[in-house]
């Protein structure tokens, strides 16, 4: 399961999506998330789903690699689906088992929220898969730079978010190594009830946290040894510039939002 987490990983490439300005990709991702929340019913999810498949195709990212990132959310998806399908009130009754009622409205609501969660995760994964952590840091810093007028630490915030994304794959790899080592010593992480499984995670979490703090300390010492002083008088090797590709991507996102809004108005 740990290997299935794709959030925070970068998939190198030279596609048109990779060449987009990281500021544009960050803003387009926010717009995509907004468009997903604008959808009013499950069939309308075909619009953002089709847009996501098109972007994935243009980015030359294998679809199975993108779907693999949804697997760690399987339990959350199942729980979300079950809660909505059995506890959403409706008039069209399909099945009744004592106090539990299965209705068409409950099924539609369960499908609606499950699809929303999947599309949000996949859309965010496309951003990190096509944008390096360094480019993402520069994009966040440039977008937050107007807030410096009120002494907002834009560079520091962008750096912290970039480091957090960068260390996700590292921590997952470290977790996998510790888990295998503990299993070789007889640890069992899968059998037993919920309380027993939680107790079995202690031998995994303690060395993981110790290693994470040690890595953070080593990183801080390395940055201080290189006289790192935040964004003060900092220059950039690559200057960010918008291109016609960014304009075309913005127009495509605008078309998606208009289609979703128009579809909602027609159904309303």
Protein backbone atom coordinates (compact mmCIF):
# COMPACT_ATOMS: atom_id res chain seq x y z
CA UNK A 1 0.00 0.00 0.00
CA UNK A 2 2.85 2.38 0.80
CA UNK A 3 4.20 2.06 -2.73
CA UNK A 4 0.81 3.07 -4.14
CA UNK A 5 1.01 6.62 -2.74
CA UNK A 6 1.86 8.93 -5.66
CA UNK A 7 1.19 12.28 -3.97
CA UNK A 8 4.43 14.24 -3.73
CA UNK A 9 6.26 12.15 -6.35
CA UNK A 10 7.58 13.66 -9.57
CA UNK A 11 7.30 11.86 -12.92
CA UNK A 12 9.94 13.40 -15.24
CA UNK A 13 8.89 14.19 -18.78
CA UNK A 14 8.91 16.72 -21.63
CA UNK A 15 5.21 16.90 -22.43
CA UNK A 16 3.25 20.10 -22.94
CA UNK A 17 1.86 19.71 -19.41
CA UNK A 18 5.36 19.46 -17.95
CA UNK A 19 6.38 22.62 -19.84
CA UNK A 20 3.56 24.70 -18.39
CA UNK A 21 4.51 27.45 -15.98
CA UNK A 22 4.30 26.00 -12.43
CA UNK A 23 2.27 29.04 -11.34
CA UNK A 24 -0.26 28.28 -14.05
CA UNK A 25 -0.43 24.62 -13.06
CA UNK A 26 -0.96 25.52 -9.43
CA UNK A 27 -3.76 27.96 -10.27
CA UNK A 28 -5.32 25.52 -12.73
CA UNK A 29 -5.29 22.79 -10.08
CA UNK A 30 -7.14 25.11 -7.69
CA UNK A 31 -9.61 25.92 -10.47
CA UNK A 32 -10.06 22.19 -11.18
CA UNK A 33 -10.76 21.48 -7.51
CA UNK A 34 -13.30 24.31 -7.54
CA UNK A 35 -14.94 22.88 -10.67
CA UNK A 36 -15.28 19.48 -8.98
CA UNK A 37 -17.11 21.13 -6.07
CA UNK A 38 -19.39 22.93 -8.55
CA UNK A 39 -20.76 19.64 -9.88
CA UNK A 40 -24.32 19.08 -8.71
CA UNK A 41 -24.93 15.40 -9.55
CA UNK A 42 -22.98 12.23 -10.30
CA UNK A 43 -23.50 12.12 -14.13
CA UNK A 44 -22.01 15.62 -14.43
CA UNK A 45 -18.71 14.24 -13.12
CA UNK A 46 -18.11 13.01 -16.67
CA UNK A 47 -16.96 16.56 -17.52
CA UNK A 48 -14.09 16.89 -14.98
CA UNK A 49 -13.29 13.20 -15.43
CA UNK A 50 -12.91 13.63 -19.19
CA UNK A 51 -10.78 16.74 -18.66
CA UNK A 52 -8.53 14.85 -16.23
CA UNK A 53 -8.12 11.94 -18.66
CA UNK A 54 -7.19 14.40 -21.42
CA UNK A 55 -4.56 16.10 -19.24
CA UNK A 56 -3.18 12.71 -18.19
CA UNK A 57 -2.91 11.72 -21.85
CA UNK A 58 -1.15 14.95 -22.78
CA UNK A 59 1.23 14.57 -19.83
CA UNK A 60 2.08 11.02 -20.97
CA UNK A 61 1.45 9.65 -17.49
CA UNK A 62 0.25 6.02 -17.44
CA UNK A 63 -3.33 5.94 -16.21
CA UNK A 64 -2.61 2.89 -14.06
CA UNK A 65 0.07 4.91 -12.28
CA UNK A 66 -2.48 7.61 -11.50
CA UNK A 67 -5.11 5.10 -10.38
CA UNK A 68 -2.53 3.46 -8.13
CA UNK A 69 -2.54 6.59 -5.98
CA UNK A 70 -6.23 6.03 -5.17
CA UNK A 71 -5.66 2.56 -3.68
CA UNK A 72 -4.52 3.83 -0.24
CA UNK A 73 -7.90 5.59 0.00
CA UNK A 74 -9.83 2.35 -0.50
CA UNK A 75 -10.99 2.13 3.12
CA UNK A 76 -12.03 5.80 3.20
CA UNK A 77 -13.92 5.37 -0.08
CA UNK A 78 -15.71 2.25 1.18
CA UNK A 79 -16.60 3.96 4.47
CA UNK A 80 -17.86 7.07 2.66
CA UNK A 81 -19.93 4.98 0.26
CA UNK A 82 -21.48 2.80 2.99
CA UNK A 83 -22.33 5.72 5.28
CA UNK A 84 -24.08 7.65 2.52
CA UNK A 85 -25.84 4.72 0.92
CA UNK A 86 -27.44 3.51 4.16
CA UNK A 87 -27.93 6.72 6.12
CA UNK A 88 -29.15 9.12 3.43
CA UNK A 89 -32.90 9.55 3.50
CA UNK A 90 -34.86 9.07 0.31
CA UNK A 91 -38.27 8.21 -1.10
CA UNK A 92 -37.37 5.56 -3.71
CA UNK A 93 -36.91 2.44 -1.54
CA UNK A 94 -34.77 -0.38 -2.96
CA UNK A 95 -34.23 -2.58 0.10
CA UNK A 96 -35.10 -2.54 3.78
CA UNK A 97 -33.36 -4.53 6.53
CA UNK A 98 -34.90 -3.52 9.83
CA UNK A 99 -34.01 0.12 10.53
CA UNK A 100 -31.59 0.22 7.59
CA UNK A 101 -33.07 1.53 4.34
CA UNK A 102 -31.39 1.38 0.94
CA UNK A 103 -32.78 4.03 -1.39
CA UNK A 104 -31.95 5.32 -4.83
CA UNK A 105 -31.21 8.77 -3.39
CA UNK A 106 -28.76 7.21 -0.93
CA UNK A 107 -26.98 5.34 -3.73
CA UNK A 108 -26.74 8.50 -5.83
CA UNK A 109 -25.33 10.48 -2.91
CA UNK A 110 -22.80 7.75 -2.09
CA UNK A 111 -21.64 7.61 -5.70
CA UNK A 112 -21.52 11.41 -5.85
CA UNK A 113 -19.20 11.90 -2.86
CA UNK A 114 -17.00 8.90 -3.71
CA UNK A 115 -16.38 10.20 -7.22
CA UNK A 116 -15.62 13.64 -5.82
CA UNK A 117 -12.94 12.25 -3.50
CA UNK A 118 -11.34 10.21 -6.30
CA UNK A 119 -11.22 13.16 -8.70
CA UNK A 120 -9.76 15.47 -6.06
CA UNK A 121 -6.94 13.04 -5.27
CA UNK A 122 -6.18 12.31 -8.92
CA UNK A 123 -6.25 15.97 -9.90
CA UNK A 124 -3.84 16.90 -7.13
CA UNK A 125 -1.57 13.99 -8.06
CA UNK A 126 -1.27 15.27 -11.62
CA UNK A 127 0.16 18.54 -10.26
CA UNK A 128 2.92 16.85 -8.25
CA UNK A 129 3.63 14.27 -10.96
CA UNK A 130 4.29 16.95 -13.60
CA UNK A 131 5.94 19.61 -11.42
CA UNK A 132 9.26 19.25 -9.61
CA UNK A 133 9.39 20.29 -5.93
CA UNK A 134 11.77 23.17 -6.76
CA UNK A 135 9.44 24.55 -9.45
CA UNK A 136 6.47 24.17 -7.13
CA UNK A 137 8.31 26.11 -4.44
CA UNK A 138 9.09 28.95 -6.85
CA UNK A 139 5.46 29.03 -8.02
CA UNK A 140 4.05 29.25 -4.49
CA UNK A 141 6.56 31.92 -3.53
CA UNK A 142 5.81 34.05 -6.58
CA UNK A 143 2.05 33.76 -6.08
CA UNK A 144 2.35 34.70 -2.40
CA UNK A 145 4.90 37.48 -2.96
CA UNK A 146 2.29 40.32 -2.94
CA UNK A 147 1.60 39.43 0.71
CA UNK A 148 5.11 40.54 1.64
CA UNK A 149 3.66 44.04 1.95
CA UNK A 150 2.04 42.87 5.20
CA UNK A 151 5.24 41.00 6.25
CA UNK A 152 3.87 37.59 5.30
CA UNK A 153 6.69 34.98 5.14
CA UNK A 154 5.95 33.82 1.60
CA UNK A 155 9.33 32.22 0.93
CA UNK A 156 9.45 30.39 4.25
CA UNK A 157 5.93 28.98 3.79
CA UNK A 158 6.69 27.85 0.24
CA UNK A 159 9.93 26.23 1.39
CA UNK A 160 8.20 24.32 4.20
CA UNK A 161 5.52 23.00 1.84
CA UNK A 162 8.15 21.99 -0.70
CA UNK A 163 10.21 20.14 1.91
CA UNK A 164 7.08 18.37 3.16
CA UNK A 165 6.24 17.19 -0.37
CA UNK A 166 9.84 16.21 -1.02
CA UNK A 167 10.06 14.03 2.07
CA UNK A 168 6.81 12.11 1.48
CA UNK A 169 8.50 9.47 -0.76
CA UNK A 170 11.49 9.34 1.60
CA UNK A 171 9.34 8.71 4.66
CA UNK A 172 7.30 6.10 2.80
CA UNK A 173 10.47 4.26 1.84
CA UNK A 174 11.72 4.47 5.43
CA UNK A 175 8.37 3.15 6.71
CA UNK A 176 8.55 0.20 4.33
CA UNK A 177 12.07 -0.68 5.52
CA UNK A 178 11.13 -0.45 9.21
CA UNK A 179 7.98 -2.50 8.65
CA UNK A 180 9.91 -5.27 6.90
CA UNK A 181 12.54 -5.26 9.64
CA UNK A 182 9.90 -5.52 12.37
CA UNK A 183 8.05 -8.28 10.50
CA UNK A 184 11.32 -10.21 10.25
CA UNK A 185 11.50 -9.98 14.06
CA UNK A 186 8.00 -11.42 14.41
CA UNK A 187 5.83 -8.28 14.41
CA UNK A 188 2.27 -8.71 13.09
CA UNK A 189 0.58 -5.63 11.62
CA UNK A 190 -2.46 -7.29 9.99
CA UNK A 191 -4.13 -9.74 12.37
CA UNK A 192 -6.17 -9.01 15.48
CA UNK A 193 -8.77 -6.40 16.35
CA UNK A 194 -8.41 -2.65 15.97
CA UNK A 195 -6.81 -2.12 19.40
CA UNK A 196 -4.27 -4.87 18.81
CA UNK A 197 -3.34 -3.45 15.42
CA UNK A 198 -2.91 0.00 16.97
CA UNK A 199 -0.54 -1.44 19.60
CA UNK A 200 1.39 -3.26 16.88
CA UNK A 201 2.05 0.08 15.16
CA UNK A 202 4.08 1.38 18.12
CA UNK A 203 7.30 -0.44 17.09
CA UNK A 204 6.83 1.13 13.66
CA UNK A 205 5.98 4.69 14.63
CA UNK A 206 8.70 5.20 17.26
CA UNK A 207 11.72 4.59 14.95
CA UNK A 208 9.92 6.41 12.13
CA UNK A 209 9.49 9.58 14.22
CA UNK A 210 13.06 9.33 15.53
CA UNK A 211 14.37 9.04 11.97
CA UNK A 212 12.19 11.92 10.78
CA UNK A 213 13.46 14.24 13.53
CA UNK A 214 17.04 13.19 12.76
CA UNK A 215 16.55 13.97 9.07
CA UNK A 216 15.04 17.35 9.95
CA UNK A 217 18.02 18.14 12.20
CA UNK A 218 20.52 17.12 9.50
CA UNK A 219 18.69 19.23 6.92
CA UNK A 220 18.67 22.28 9.22
CA UNK A 221 22.41 21.91 9.90
CA UNK A 222 23.14 21.57 6.17
CA UNK A 223 21.13 24.70 5.35
CA UNK A 224 22.88 26.68 8.09
CA UNK A 225 26.31 25.45 6.91
CA UNK A 226 25.47 26.85 3.47
CA UNK A 227 24.50 30.21 5.00
CA UNK A 228 20.85 29.87 4.07
CA UNK A 229 18.97 33.06 4.95
CA UNK A 230 15.54 32.50 3.47
CA UNK A 231 14.38 34.59 0.54
CA UNK A 232 16.56 37.58 1.38
CA UNK A 233 18.55 38.70 -1.72
CA UNK A 234 17.89 35.33 -3.34
CA UNK A 235 18.34 34.98 -7.11
CA UNK A 236 16.89 32.30 -9.40
CA UNK A 237 18.54 30.28 -12.10
CA UNK A 238 15.26 29.96 -14.03
CA UNK A 239 12.94 32.94 -14.36
CA UNK A 240 9.27 31.98 -14.59
CA UNK A 241 7.45 33.28 -17.64
CA UNK A 242 3.95 32.61 -18.93
CA UNK A 243 3.65 31.32 -22.50
CA UNK A 244 0.91 30.66 -25.02
CA UNK A 245 0.61 27.12 -23.62
CA UNK A 246 -0.43 28.59 -20.28
CA UNK A 247 -3.05 30.71 -22.04
CA UNK A 248 -4.45 27.69 -23.88
CA UNK A 249 -4.58 25.71 -20.64
CA UNK A 250 -6.40 28.58 -18.92
CA UNK A 251 -8.95 28.74 -21.74
CA UNK A 252 -9.55 25.00 -21.53
CA UNK A 253 -10.14 25.26 -17.78
CA UNK A 254 -12.51 28.18 -18.32
CA UNK A 255 -14.44 26.09 -20.83
CA UNK A 256 -14.69 23.26 -18.29
CA UNK A 257 -16.02 25.56 -15.57
CA UNK A 258 -18.55 27.11 -17.95
CA UNK A 259 -19.75 23.68 -19.07
CA UNK A 260 -20.21 22.53 -15.47
CA UNK A 261 -22.03 25.73 -14.48
CA UNK A 262 -24.18 25.56 -17.61
CA UNK A 263 -25.05 21.91 -16.98
CA UNK A 264 -26.03 22.71 -13.40
CA UNK A 265 -28.27 25.59 -14.54
CA UNK A 266 -30.00 23.38 -17.14
CA UNK A 267 -30.70 20.68 -14.55
CA UNK A 268 -31.80 23.26 -12.01
